[in-house]
Amino acid sequence: MDISVLTGSIGVGLLLLAFFLNVFKKISFDSYTYILLNIAGAAISGYASYLIDYWPFVILEGTWALVAIVALLKK
């Protein structure tokens, strides 16, 4: 498995974990767990997108990570 695929899979897995835990009422959208999973998942996914030189998702995931960081700082 290519390192970019492995990295992207981990990042997306963290984002999906946060989403599913929230949807099934295991964590709230304003919990530290949810916010940190979003920061880590978006940053890792963004890095994987950078590795494959796919800039639309580098921008998307970078923005996602920054918004989650702002949410963490507000909390």
C-alpha atoms as a PDB file:
ATOM      1  CA  MET A   1       0.000   0.000   0.000  1.00  0.00           C
ATOM      2  CA  ASP A   2       1.289   3.421  -0.972  1.00  0.00           C
ATOM      3  CA  ILE A   3       2.077   5.806   1.916  1.00  0.00           C
ATOM      4  CA  SER A   4      -0.348   8.428   0.577  1.00  0.00           C
ATOM      5  CA  VAL A   5      -3.189   5.881   0.524  1.00  0.00           C
ATOM      6  CA  LEU A   6      -2.396   4.712   4.048  1.00  0.00           C
ATOM      7  CA  THR A   7      -2.120   8.282   5.324  1.00  0.00           C
ATOM      8  CA  GLY A   8      -5.348   9.333   3.617  1.00  0.00           C
ATOM      9  CA  SER A   9      -7.174   6.275   4.950  1.00  0.00           C
ATOM     10  CA  ILE A  10      -6.149   7.100   8.511  1.00  0.00           C
ATOM     11  CA  GLY A  11      -7.214  10.733   8.135  1.00  0.00           C
ATOM     12  CA  VAL A  12     -10.567   9.923   6.585  1.00  0.00           C
ATOM     13  CA  GLY A  13     -11.080   7.192   9.168  1.00  0.00           C
ATOM     14  CA  LEU A  14     -10.693   9.732  11.979  1.00  0.00           C
ATOM     15  CA  LEU A  15     -13.129  12.126  10.307  1.00  0.00           C
ATOM     16  CA  LEU A  16     -15.682   9.359   9.833  1.00  0.00           C
ATOM     17  CA  LEU A  17     -15.205   8.174  13.408  1.00  0.00           C
ATOM     18  CA  ALA A  18     -16.008  11.674  14.677  1.00  0.00           C
ATOM     19  CA  PHE A  19     -19.043  11.863  12.389  1.00  0.00           C
ATOM     20  CA  PHE A  20     -20.456   8.454  13.363  1.00  0.00           C
ATOM     21  CA  LEU A  21     -19.867   8.993  17.078  1.00  0.00           C
ATOM     22  CA  ASN A  22     -21.743  12.280  16.831  1.00  0.00           C
ATOM     23  CA  VAL A  23     -24.607  10.900  14.749  1.00  0.00           C
ATOM     24  CA  PHE A  24     -25.104   8.013  17.183  1.00  0.00           C
ATOM     25  CA  LYS A  25     -25.028  10.401  20.167  1.00  0.00           C
ATOM     26  CA  LYS A  26     -21.821   9.022  21.688  1.00  0.00           C
ATOM     27  CA  ILE A  27     -20.106  12.418  21.591  1.00  0.00           C
ATOM     28  CA  SER A  28     -21.408  15.936  21.019  1.00  0.00           C
ATOM     29  CA  PHE A  29     -20.218  18.245  18.264  1.00  0.00           C
ATOM     30  CA  ASP A  30     -18.692  20.591  20.843  1.00  0.00           C
ATOM     31  CA  SER A  31     -16.787  17.940  22.815  1.00  0.00           C
ATOM     32  CA  TYR A  32     -13.003  17.915  22.915  1.00  0.00           C
ATOM     33  CA  THR A  33     -13.004  14.428  21.397  1.00  0.00           C
ATOM     34  CA  TYR A  34     -15.047  15.505  18.377  1.00  0.00           C
ATOM     35  CA  ILE A  35     -12.986  18.638  17.803  1.00  0.00           C
ATOM     36  CA  LEU A  36      -9.646  16.847  18.174  1.00  0.00           C
ATOM     37  CA  LEU A  37     -10.718  14.005  15.861  1.00  0.00           C
ATOM     38  CA  ASN A  38     -11.663  16.636  13.263  1.00  0.00           C
ATOM     39  CA  ILE A  39      -8.359  18.476  13.631  1.00  0.00           C
ATOM     40  CA  ALA A  40      -6.295  15.297  13.348  1.00  0.00           C
ATOM     41  CA  GLY A  41      -8.399  13.761  10.586  1.00  0.00           C
ATOM     42  CA  ALA A  42      -8.467  16.892   8.462  1.00  0.00           C
ATOM     43  CA  ALA A  43      -4.763  17.592   8.919  1.00  0.00           C
ATOM     44  CA  ILE A  44      -3.777  14.018   8.040  1.00  0.00           C
ATOM     45  CA  SER A  45      -6.168  13.926   5.071  1.00  0.00           C
ATOM     46  CA  GLY A  46      -4.834  17.266   3.896  1.00  0.00           C
ATOM     47  CA  TYR A  47      -1.288  15.971   4.078  1.00  0.00           C
ATOM     48  CA  ALA A  48      -2.263  12.881   2.096  1.00  0.00           C
ATOM     49  CA  SER A  49      -3.843  15.132  -0.539  1.00  0.00           C
ATOM     50  CA  TYR A  50      -0.612  17.137  -0.663  1.00  0.00           C
ATOM     51  CA  LEU A  51       1.343  13.910  -1.197  1.00  0.00           C
ATOM     52  CA  ILE A  52      -0.703  13.141  -4.310  1.00  0.00           C
ATOM     53  CA  ASP A  53      -0.624  16.801  -5.393  1.00  0.00           C
ATOM     54  CA  TYR A  54      -4.409  17.229  -5.284  1.00  0.00           C
ATOM     55  CA  TRP A  55      -4.788  20.851  -4.250  1.00  0.00           C
ATOM     56  CA  PRO A  56      -8.577  21.137  -4.070  1.00  0.00           C
ATOM     57  CA  PHE A  57      -8.560  18.723  -1.141  1.00  0.00           C
ATOM     58  CA  VAL A  58      -5.443  20.250   0.408  1.00  0.00           C
ATOM     59  CA  ILE A  59      -7.427  23.499   0.595  1.00  0.00           C
ATOM     60  CA  LEU A  60     -10.627  21.780   1.768  1.00  0.00           C
ATOM     61  CA  GLU A  61      -8.948  19.759   4.500  1.00  0.00           C
ATOM     62  CA  GLY A  62      -6.691  22.642   5.527  1.00  0.00           C
ATOM     63  CA  THR A  63      -9.733  24.854   5.966  1.00  0.00           C
ATOM     64  CA  TRP A  64     -11.524  22.087   7.877  1.00  0.00           C
ATOM     65  CA  ALA A  65      -8.550  21.732  10.229  1.00  0.00           C
ATOM     66  CA  LEU A  66      -8.312  25.506  10.767  1.00  0.00           C
ATOM     67  CA  VAL A  67     -12.026  25.813  11.552  1.00  0.00           C
ATOM     68  CA  ALA A  68     -11.723  22.946  14.036  1.00  0.00           C
ATOM     69  CA  ILE A  69      -8.700  24.646  15.636  1.00  0.00           C
ATOM     70  CA  VAL A  70     -10.749  27.831  16.020  1.00  0.00           C
ATOM     71  CA  ALA A  71     -13.525  25.768  17.659  1.00  0.00           C
ATOM     72  CA  LEU A  72     -10.948  24.268  20.030  1.00  0.00           C
ATOM     73  CA  LEU A  73      -9.570  27.707  20.943  1.00  0.00           C
ATOM     74  CA  LYS A  74     -13.093  29.028  21.568  1.00  0.00           C
ATOM     75  CA  LYS A  75     -13.851  26.097  23.855  1.00  0.00           C
END
